[in-house]
Amino acid sequence: MRSIPTLPSCDTLVACAHCGMPPDARPFDQSRLEKPPDPGRLTVLASFRLPPEYCGILEYFAQFTDEQAKDPSAIQTKGLTWSLRLNQQPFAPYVGLDHIANPWGIGGFPIRLKLEEGSSVDLVVRGESPKQPKIGLVGGRLVGRYWYNRAFGDVARTGMGRS
């Protein structure tokens, strides 16, 4: 007998038997490219904040440098430190990465990080000293899904939770 996938968080009455997502799940895909930050500075490369009364899941994050795009073996990012942050706090084990763990454009490892109501998630890069001179651009991408949390009321019955 096939088991039905369960969501990592939130109250839901109906979920897809294949993926476990509620039928009203919406995707998010946030990304940005920037010049590398100066030593001691922090740059938010991708950010997503859940709307009130919604919860969700971060399915994937990706990192980018123009140097690694030219040479796929250039995964070391000396002079740069990458971190994934949940509600402004570093989220282990994605803290203090000095390399490309999930290259942009290549299918990476899904992480399925649950996002409770009102959560925010950010992919940040910090400039360290000395900065690696080869890197001219850095980028980050966050991909996931979010849905209305039925703990706040029934969307179908009350009409709430629709944007």
N, C-alpha and C. Protein backbone atom coordinates (compact mmCIF):
# COMPACT_ATOMS: atom_id res chain seq x y z
N MET A 1 0.84 -1.17 0.00
CA MET A 1 0.00 0.00 0.00
C MET A 1 0.88 1.23 0.00
N ARG A 2 0.57 2.19 -0.85
CA ARG A 2 1.33 3.42 -0.99
C ARG A 2 0.97 4.40 0.11
N SER A 3 1.98 4.96 0.78
CA SER A 3 1.69 5.94 1.82
C SER A 3 1.55 7.33 1.20
N ILE A 4 0.73 8.14 1.81
CA ILE A 4 0.52 9.51 1.35
C ILE A 4 1.56 10.40 1.99
N PRO A 5 2.30 11.20 1.17
CA PRO A 5 3.29 12.10 1.75
C PRO A 5 2.61 13.10 2.69
N THR A 6 3.29 13.45 3.74
CA THR A 6 2.74 14.43 4.67
C THR A 6 3.53 15.70 4.61
N LEU A 7 2.86 16.80 4.84
CA LEU A 7 3.51 18.11 4.87
C LEU A 7 4.26 18.26 6.18
N PRO A 8 5.37 18.98 6.16
CA PRO A 8 6.13 19.13 7.39
C PRO A 8 5.51 20.08 8.39
N SER A 9 4.55 20.90 7.98
CA SER A 9 3.93 21.83 8.91
C SER A 9 2.59 22.29 8.37
N CYS A 10 1.85 22.98 9.18
CA CYS A 10 0.58 23.62 8.85
C CYS A 10 -0.59 22.65 8.88
N ASP A 11 -1.72 23.20 9.21
CA ASP A 11 -2.96 22.43 9.23
C ASP A 11 -3.56 22.46 7.83
N THR A 12 -3.79 21.32 7.25
CA THR A 12 -4.40 21.24 5.93
C THR A 12 -5.39 20.07 5.91
N LEU A 13 -6.49 20.27 5.26
CA LEU A 13 -7.50 19.22 5.19
C LEU A 13 -7.30 18.30 4.00
N VAL A 14 -6.80 18.86 2.90
CA VAL A 14 -6.65 18.10 1.67
C VAL A 14 -5.23 18.28 1.16
N ALA A 15 -4.62 17.19 0.74
CA ALA A 15 -3.28 17.27 0.15
C ALA A 15 -3.21 16.31 -1.02
N CYS A 16 -2.38 16.64 -1.98
CA CYS A 16 -2.16 15.79 -3.14
C CYS A 16 -1.53 14.47 -2.68
N ALA A 17 -2.07 13.36 -3.14
CA ALA A 17 -1.54 12.05 -2.75
C ALA A 17 -0.15 11.81 -3.33
N HIS A 18 0.20 12.52 -4.38
CA HIS A 18 1.51 12.33 -5.01
C HIS A 18 2.60 13.18 -4.35
N CYS A 19 2.34 14.48 -4.17
CA CYS A 19 3.39 15.38 -3.67
C CYS A 19 3.17 15.84 -2.24
N GLY A 20 1.97 15.66 -1.71
CA GLY A 20 1.69 16.08 -0.34
C GLY A 20 1.36 17.55 -0.17
N MET A 21 1.30 18.30 -1.26
CA MET A 21 1.02 19.73 -1.18
C MET A 21 -0.48 19.99 -1.21
N PRO A 22 -0.93 21.02 -0.50
CA PRO A 22 -2.33 21.41 -0.58
C PRO A 22 -2.68 21.89 -1.99
N PRO A 23 -3.93 21.81 -2.39
CA PRO A 23 -4.30 22.21 -3.75
C PRO A 23 -4.13 23.70 -4.02
N ASP A 24 -4.08 24.53 -2.97
CA ASP A 24 -3.91 25.97 -3.19
C ASP A 24 -2.45 26.42 -3.08
N ALA A 25 -1.50 25.48 -3.09
CA ALA A 25 -0.08 25.83 -2.99
C ALA A 25 0.34 26.66 -4.20
N ARG A 26 1.07 27.72 -3.91
CA ARG A 26 1.58 28.61 -4.95
C ARG A 26 3.10 28.59 -4.91
N PRO A 27 3.74 28.68 -6.07
CA PRO A 27 5.21 28.68 -6.08
C PRO A 27 5.78 30.05 -5.74
N PHE A 28 6.99 30.05 -5.19
CA PHE A 28 7.77 31.28 -5.14
C PHE A 28 9.16 30.96 -5.70
N ASP A 29 9.74 31.93 -6.36
CA ASP A 29 11.05 31.78 -6.99
C ASP A 29 11.68 33.17 -6.99
N GLN A 30 12.57 33.39 -6.04
CA GLN A 30 13.20 34.70 -5.87
C GLN A 30 14.68 34.58 -6.20
N SER A 31 15.21 35.56 -6.95
CA SER A 31 16.63 35.52 -7.29
C SER A 31 17.14 36.93 -7.57
N ARG A 32 18.45 37.08 -7.46
CA ARG A 32 19.08 38.36 -7.74
C ARG A 32 20.57 38.15 -8.00
N LEU A 33 21.13 39.00 -8.86
CA LEU A 33 22.56 39.04 -9.12
C LEU A 33 23.11 40.38 -8.64
N GLU A 34 24.28 40.35 -8.02
CA GLU A 34 24.91 41.56 -7.48
C GLU A 34 26.42 41.46 -7.63
N LYS A 35 27.09 42.58 -7.46
CA LYS A 35 28.55 42.55 -7.33
C LYS A 35 28.87 41.98 -5.96
N PRO A 36 29.99 41.28 -5.82
CA PRO A 36 30.33 40.73 -4.50
C PRO A 36 30.45 41.85 -3.46
N PRO A 37 30.01 41.59 -2.23
CA PRO A 37 30.11 42.62 -1.20
C PRO A 37 31.55 42.87 -0.78
N ASP A 38 31.83 44.09 -0.37
CA ASP A 38 33.14 44.43 0.16
C ASP A 38 33.38 43.69 1.47
N PRO A 39 34.64 43.53 1.86
CA PRO A 39 34.93 42.87 3.14
C PRO A 39 34.18 43.52 4.30
N GLY A 40 33.57 42.67 5.12
CA GLY A 40 32.79 43.14 6.26
C GLY A 40 31.35 43.50 5.94
N ARG A 41 30.96 43.48 4.67
CA ARG A 41 29.60 43.82 4.25
C ARG A 41 28.82 42.55 3.91
N LEU A 42 27.49 42.65 4.04
CA LEU A 42 26.59 41.53 3.78
C LEU A 42 25.61 41.94 2.69
N THR A 43 25.34 41.04 1.75
CA THR A 43 24.36 41.29 0.69
C THR A 43 23.31 40.18 0.71
N VAL A 44 22.04 40.57 0.72
CA VAL A 44 20.94 39.61 0.62
C VAL A 44 20.72 39.36 -0.87
N LEU A 45 20.92 38.11 -1.29
CA LEU A 45 20.81 37.77 -2.70
C LEU A 45 19.43 37.28 -3.10
N ALA A 46 18.72 36.68 -2.18
CA ALA A 46 17.36 36.22 -2.44
C ALA A 46 16.63 36.21 -1.11
N SER A 47 15.37 36.61 -1.14
CA SER A 47 14.60 36.71 0.10
C SER A 47 13.13 36.43 -0.19
N PHE A 48 12.49 35.75 0.76
CA PHE A 48 11.05 35.52 0.65
C PHE A 48 10.44 35.55 2.05
N ARG A 49 9.37 36.31 2.19
CA ARG A 49 8.62 36.38 3.45
C ARG A 49 7.21 35.89 3.19
N LEU A 50 6.76 34.96 4.02
CA LEU A 50 5.40 34.44 3.88
C LEU A 50 4.37 35.52 4.19
N PRO A 51 3.28 35.55 3.44
CA PRO A 51 2.19 36.45 3.80
C PRO A 51 1.58 36.01 5.14
N PRO A 52 0.93 36.92 5.86
CA PRO A 52 0.25 36.52 7.11
C PRO A 52 -0.74 35.38 6.84
N GLU A 53 -0.82 34.45 7.76
CA GLU A 53 -1.73 33.32 7.74
C GLU A 53 -1.38 32.27 6.68
N TYR A 54 -0.16 32.34 6.14
CA TYR A 54 0.32 31.35 5.18
C TYR A 54 1.52 30.62 5.77
N CYS A 55 1.73 29.40 5.35
CA CYS A 55 2.92 28.65 5.69
C CYS A 55 3.44 28.03 4.40
N GLY A 56 4.59 27.37 4.46
CA GLY A 56 5.13 26.83 3.22
C GLY A 56 6.37 26.00 3.43
N ILE A 57 7.10 25.85 2.33
CA ILE A 57 8.29 25.02 2.34
C ILE A 57 9.30 25.61 1.36
N LEU A 58 10.55 25.70 1.81
CA LEU A 58 11.65 26.04 0.92
C LEU A 58 12.16 24.72 0.35
N GLU A 59 12.08 24.58 -0.96
CA GLU A 59 12.44 23.32 -1.60
C GLU A 59 13.88 23.30 -2.10
N TYR A 60 14.44 24.48 -2.38
CA TYR A 60 15.73 24.52 -3.05
C TYR A 60 16.35 25.89 -2.91
N PHE A 61 17.66 25.96 -2.79
CA PHE A 61 18.37 27.22 -2.92
C PHE A 61 19.54 27.00 -3.88
N ALA A 62 19.97 28.08 -4.53
CA ALA A 62 21.07 27.98 -5.48
C ALA A 62 21.99 29.17 -5.32
N GLN A 63 23.28 28.95 -5.59
CA GLN A 63 24.29 29.99 -5.53
C GLN A 63 24.88 30.19 -6.92
N PHE A 64 25.40 31.39 -7.18
CA PHE A 64 25.97 31.70 -8.48
C PHE A 64 27.17 32.61 -8.31
N THR A 65 28.23 32.31 -9.06
CA THR A 65 29.30 33.27 -9.31
C THR A 65 29.58 33.21 -10.80
N ASP A 66 29.96 34.34 -11.38
CA ASP A 66 30.27 34.33 -12.81
C ASP A 66 31.52 33.48 -13.09
N GLU A 67 32.42 33.37 -12.11
CA GLU A 67 33.61 32.54 -12.28
C GLU A 67 33.23 31.06 -12.38
N GLN A 68 32.33 30.60 -11.53
CA GLN A 68 31.90 29.20 -11.56
C GLN A 68 31.08 28.91 -12.81
N ALA A 69 30.36 29.92 -13.33
CA ALA A 69 29.59 29.74 -14.57
C ALA A 69 30.53 29.51 -15.76
N LYS A 70 31.71 30.15 -15.75
CA LYS A 70 32.69 29.96 -16.82
C LYS A 70 33.46 28.65 -16.66
N ASP A 71 33.75 28.30 -15.40
CA ASP A 71 34.53 27.10 -15.10
C ASP A 71 33.84 26.34 -13.98
N PRO A 72 33.08 25.27 -14.30
CA PRO A 72 32.32 24.53 -13.28
C PRO A 72 33.14 23.99 -12.12
N SER A 73 34.45 23.88 -12.29
CA SER A 73 35.28 23.41 -11.18
C SER A 73 35.62 24.52 -10.19
N ALA A 74 35.28 25.75 -10.51
CA ALA A 74 35.59 26.90 -9.64
C ALA A 74 34.52 27.06 -8.56
N ILE A 75 34.45 26.09 -7.66
CA ILE A 75 33.42 26.13 -6.61
C ILE A 75 33.90 26.79 -5.33
N GLN A 76 35.20 26.98 -5.17
CA GLN A 76 35.71 27.68 -3.99
C GLN A 76 35.44 29.18 -4.14
N THR A 77 34.95 29.80 -3.09
CA THR A 77 34.65 31.23 -3.14
C THR A 77 35.42 31.94 -2.03
N LYS A 78 36.73 31.79 -2.04
CA LYS A 78 37.57 32.43 -1.04
C LYS A 78 37.29 33.91 -1.03
N GLY A 79 37.11 34.45 0.15
CA GLY A 79 36.77 35.86 0.26
C GLY A 79 35.28 36.11 0.37
N LEU A 80 34.47 35.05 0.19
CA LEU A 80 33.01 35.17 0.32
C LEU A 80 32.50 34.04 1.21
N THR A 81 31.52 34.35 2.07
CA THR A 81 30.88 33.35 2.92
C THR A 81 29.38 33.41 2.69
N TRP A 82 28.78 32.27 2.40
CA TRP A 82 27.35 32.15 2.10
C TRP A 82 26.61 31.59 3.30
N SER A 83 25.37 32.07 3.52
CA SER A 83 24.54 31.54 4.60
C SER A 83 23.07 31.58 4.19
N LEU A 84 22.34 30.58 4.66
CA LEU A 84 20.90 30.57 4.55
C LEU A 84 20.37 30.99 5.91
N ARG A 85 19.43 31.94 5.93
CA ARG A 85 18.90 32.45 7.19
C ARG A 85 17.39 32.26 7.24
N LEU A 86 16.94 31.78 8.37
CA LEU A 86 15.51 31.61 8.63
C LEU A 86 15.14 32.58 9.74
N ASN A 87 14.22 33.49 9.45
CA ASN A 87 13.81 34.53 10.41
C ASN A 87 15.02 35.31 10.94
N GLN A 88 15.88 35.71 10.03
CA GLN A 88 17.07 36.52 10.32
C GLN A 88 18.16 35.77 11.08
N GLN A 89 17.99 34.48 11.33
CA GLN A 89 18.97 33.69 12.07
C GLN A 89 19.63 32.67 11.14
N PRO A 90 20.96 32.50 11.23
CA PRO A 90 21.63 31.50 10.41
C PRO A 90 21.01 30.12 10.63
N PHE A 91 20.84 29.39 9.53
CA PHE A 91 20.19 28.08 9.59
C PHE A 91 21.22 26.98 9.25
N ALA A 92 21.59 26.19 10.27
CA ALA A 92 22.55 25.10 10.08
C ALA A 92 21.87 23.97 9.30
N PRO A 93 22.58 23.32 8.43
CA PRO A 93 24.02 23.36 8.20
C PRO A 93 24.46 24.32 7.12
N TYR A 94 23.60 25.23 6.69
CA TYR A 94 23.90 26.13 5.58
C TYR A 94 24.42 27.47 6.11
N VAL A 95 25.47 27.41 6.90
CA VAL A 95 26.06 28.58 7.55
C VAL A 95 27.55 28.59 7.26
N GLY A 96 28.08 29.71 6.90
CA GLY A 96 29.52 29.84 6.72
C GLY A 96 30.09 29.02 5.58
N LEU A 97 29.32 28.82 4.51
CA LEU A 97 29.83 28.07 3.36
C LEU A 97 30.84 28.93 2.60
N ASP A 98 32.00 28.38 2.32
CA ASP A 98 33.01 29.10 1.54
C ASP A 98 33.15 28.51 0.14
N HIS A 99 32.07 27.87 -0.31
CA HIS A 99 32.07 27.24 -1.62
C HIS A 99 30.64 27.18 -2.17
N ILE A 100 30.53 26.83 -3.43
CA ILE A 100 29.23 26.65 -4.08
C ILE A 100 28.75 25.25 -3.75
N ALA A 101 27.74 25.15 -2.88
CA ALA A 101 27.17 23.86 -2.50
C ALA A 101 26.05 23.44 -3.46
N ASN A 102 25.28 24.41 -3.93
CA ASN A 102 24.18 24.17 -4.86
C ASN A 102 24.31 25.12 -6.05
N PRO A 103 25.00 24.70 -7.11
CA PRO A 103 25.21 25.59 -8.26
C PRO A 103 23.90 25.95 -8.95
N TRP A 104 23.78 27.20 -9.35
CA TRP A 104 22.64 27.71 -10.09
C TRP A 104 22.59 27.01 -11.45
N GLY A 105 21.42 26.54 -11.83
CA GLY A 105 21.24 25.94 -13.15
C GLY A 105 21.45 24.43 -13.18
N ILE A 106 21.88 23.87 -12.06
CA ILE A 106 22.10 22.43 -11.99
C ILE A 106 21.18 21.90 -10.90
N GLY A 107 20.44 20.84 -11.21
CA GLY A 107 19.54 20.27 -10.22
C GLY A 107 20.30 19.92 -8.94
N GLY A 108 19.93 20.56 -7.86
CA GLY A 108 20.60 20.34 -6.59
C GLY A 108 19.82 19.41 -5.69
N PHE A 109 20.18 19.44 -4.46
CA PHE A 109 19.53 18.59 -3.49
C PHE A 109 18.35 19.33 -2.86
N PRO A 110 17.15 18.74 -2.89
CA PRO A 110 16.01 19.39 -2.23
C PRO A 110 16.24 19.41 -0.72
N ILE A 111 15.79 20.50 -0.07
CA ILE A 111 16.02 20.58 1.37
C ILE A 111 14.74 20.51 2.19
N ARG A 112 13.60 20.86 1.62
CA ARG A 112 12.29 20.77 2.29
C ARG A 112 12.31 21.40 3.69
N LEU A 113 12.71 22.65 3.75
CA LEU A 113 12.75 23.41 5.00
C LEU A 113 11.37 24.00 5.26
N LYS A 114 10.75 23.61 6.38
CA LYS A 114 9.40 24.10 6.65
C LYS A 114 9.46 25.57 7.04
N LEU A 115 8.45 26.29 6.57
CA LEU A 115 8.31 27.72 6.85
C LEU A 115 6.98 27.92 7.57
N GLU A 116 7.05 28.22 8.84
CA GLU A 116 5.84 28.45 9.63
C GLU A 116 5.24 29.81 9.29
N GLU A 117 4.03 30.04 9.71
CA GLU A 117 3.31 31.29 9.44
C GLU A 117 4.18 32.49 9.82
N GLY A 118 4.30 33.42 8.87
CA GLY A 118 5.06 34.64 9.11
C GLY A 118 6.56 34.52 8.96
N SER A 119 7.07 33.37 8.54
CA SER A 119 8.51 33.16 8.42
C SER A 119 9.11 33.94 7.25
N SER A 120 10.41 34.18 7.36
CA SER A 120 11.17 34.72 6.24
C SER A 120 12.40 33.85 6.05
N VAL A 121 12.87 33.79 4.81
CA VAL A 121 14.08 33.04 4.48
C VAL A 121 14.92 33.90 3.54
N ASP A 122 16.23 33.93 3.78
CA ASP A 122 17.15 34.74 2.99
C ASP A 122 18.38 33.92 2.65
N LEU A 123 18.92 34.15 1.46
CA LEU A 123 20.23 33.64 1.09
C LEU A 123 21.15 34.85 1.03
N VAL A 124 22.18 34.84 1.87
CA VAL A 124 23.07 35.99 1.98
C VAL A 124 24.50 35.60 1.69
N VAL A 125 25.29 36.59 1.29
CA VAL A 125 26.71 36.39 1.09
C VAL A 125 27.43 37.55 1.80
N ARG A 126 28.51 37.20 2.47
CA ARG A 126 29.30 38.18 3.21
C ARG A 126 30.69 38.27 2.60
N GLY A 127 31.16 39.48 2.43
CA GLY A 127 32.52 39.70 1.97
C GLY A 127 33.49 39.50 3.12
N GLU A 128 34.52 38.72 2.88
CA GLU A 128 35.58 38.50 3.87
C GLU A 128 36.87 39.09 3.30
N SER A 129 37.88 39.12 4.08
CA SER A 129 39.14 39.67 3.60
C SER A 129 40.16 38.54 3.47
N PRO A 130 40.89 38.42 2.38
CA PRO A 130 40.82 39.27 1.20
C PRO A 130 39.75 38.77 0.22
N LYS A 131 39.19 39.68 -0.55
CA LYS A 131 38.17 39.30 -1.52
C LYS A 131 38.83 38.61 -2.72
N GLN A 132 38.17 37.61 -3.25
CA GLN A 132 38.68 36.90 -4.41
C GLN A 132 38.49 37.79 -5.64
N PRO A 133 39.57 38.22 -6.29
CA PRO A 133 39.43 39.18 -7.38
C PRO A 133 38.77 38.64 -8.64
N LYS A 134 38.74 37.31 -8.85
CA LYS A 134 38.16 36.76 -10.08
C LYS A 134 36.65 36.90 -10.15
N ILE A 135 35.97 36.92 -9.02
CA ILE A 135 34.51 36.92 -9.00
C ILE A 135 33.98 38.33 -9.22
N GLY A 136 33.21 38.49 -10.30
CA GLY A 136 32.64 39.80 -10.62
C GLY A 136 31.16 39.91 -10.28
N LEU A 137 30.47 38.75 -10.24
CA LEU A 137 29.04 38.71 -9.92
C LEU A 137 28.74 37.53 -9.01
N VAL A 138 27.85 37.75 -8.06
CA VAL A 138 27.33 36.67 -7.22
C VAL A 138 25.81 36.69 -7.34
N GLY A 139 25.20 35.55 -7.11
CA GLY A 139 23.75 35.47 -7.20
C GLY A 139 23.21 34.42 -6.26
N GLY A 140 21.94 34.56 -5.96
CA GLY A 140 21.26 33.59 -5.11
C GLY A 140 19.84 33.38 -5.59
N ARG A 141 19.33 32.21 -5.31
CA ARG A 141 17.96 31.86 -5.73
C ARG A 141 17.32 30.99 -4.66
N LEU A 142 16.06 31.29 -4.35
CA LEU A 142 15.25 30.51 -3.42
C LEU A 142 14.00 30.06 -4.14
N VAL A 143 13.67 28.78 -4.04
CA VAL A 143 12.50 28.21 -4.72
C VAL A 143 11.70 27.40 -3.70
N GLY A 144 10.40 27.61 -3.69
CA GLY A 144 9.55 26.84 -2.79
C GLY A 144 8.09 27.02 -3.10
N ARG A 145 7.27 26.67 -2.13
CA ARG A 145 5.81 26.79 -2.26
C ARG A 145 5.24 27.29 -0.94
N TYR A 146 4.10 27.96 -1.05
CA TYR A 146 3.41 28.42 0.15
C TYR A 146 1.91 28.29 -0.07
N TRP A 147 1.17 28.18 1.03
CA TRP A 147 -0.27 27.96 0.96
C TRP A 147 -0.93 28.53 2.21
N TYR A 148 -2.22 28.75 2.08
CA TYR A 148 -3.00 29.26 3.20
C TYR A 148 -3.06 28.21 4.30
N ASN A 149 -2.80 28.63 5.53
CA ASN A 149 -2.84 27.74 6.68
C ASN A 149 -4.27 27.68 7.19
N ARG A 150 -4.90 26.55 7.02
CA ARG A 150 -6.32 26.41 7.39
C ARG A 150 -6.56 26.55 8.89
N ALA A 151 -5.51 26.57 9.69
CA ALA A 151 -5.68 26.82 11.12
C ALA A 151 -6.28 28.21 11.36
N PHE A 152 -6.17 29.11 10.36
CA PHE A 152 -6.71 30.46 10.49
C PHE A 152 -8.13 30.56 9.95
N GLY A 153 -8.71 29.47 9.48
CA GLY A 153 -10.07 29.48 8.94
C GLY A 153 -10.13 28.70 7.66
N ASP A 154 -11.31 28.36 7.24
CA ASP A 154 -11.53 27.58 6.02
C ASP A 154 -11.61 28.53 4.83
N VAL A 155 -10.67 28.45 3.90
CA VAL A 155 -10.64 29.32 2.74
C VAL A 155 -11.91 29.17 1.91
N ALA A 156 -12.33 27.93 1.67
CA ALA A 156 -13.50 27.69 0.83
C ALA A 156 -14.77 28.25 1.47
N ARG A 157 -14.87 28.11 2.80
CA ARG A 157 -16.09 28.54 3.47
C ARG A 157 -16.11 30.05 3.72
N THR A 158 -14.96 30.62 4.16
CA THR A 158 -14.96 32.03 4.55
C THR A 158 -14.48 32.96 3.46
N GLY A 159 -13.76 32.42 2.45
CA GLY A 159 -13.21 33.26 1.40
C GLY A 159 -11.95 33.99 1.85
N MET A 160 -11.50 33.72 3.07
CA MET A 160 -10.29 34.37 3.57
C MET A 160 -9.06 33.70 2.96
N GLY A 161 -7.94 34.40 3.06
CA GLY A 161 -6.68 33.82 2.64
C GLY A 161 -6.40 33.96 1.16
N ARG A 162 -7.25 34.57 0.42
CA ARG A 162 -7.00 34.76 -1.01
C ARG A 162 -6.38 36.14 -1.22
N SER A 163 -5.37 36.19 -2.08
CA SER A 163 -4.80 37.51 -2.40
C SER A 163 -5.12 37.91 -3.80
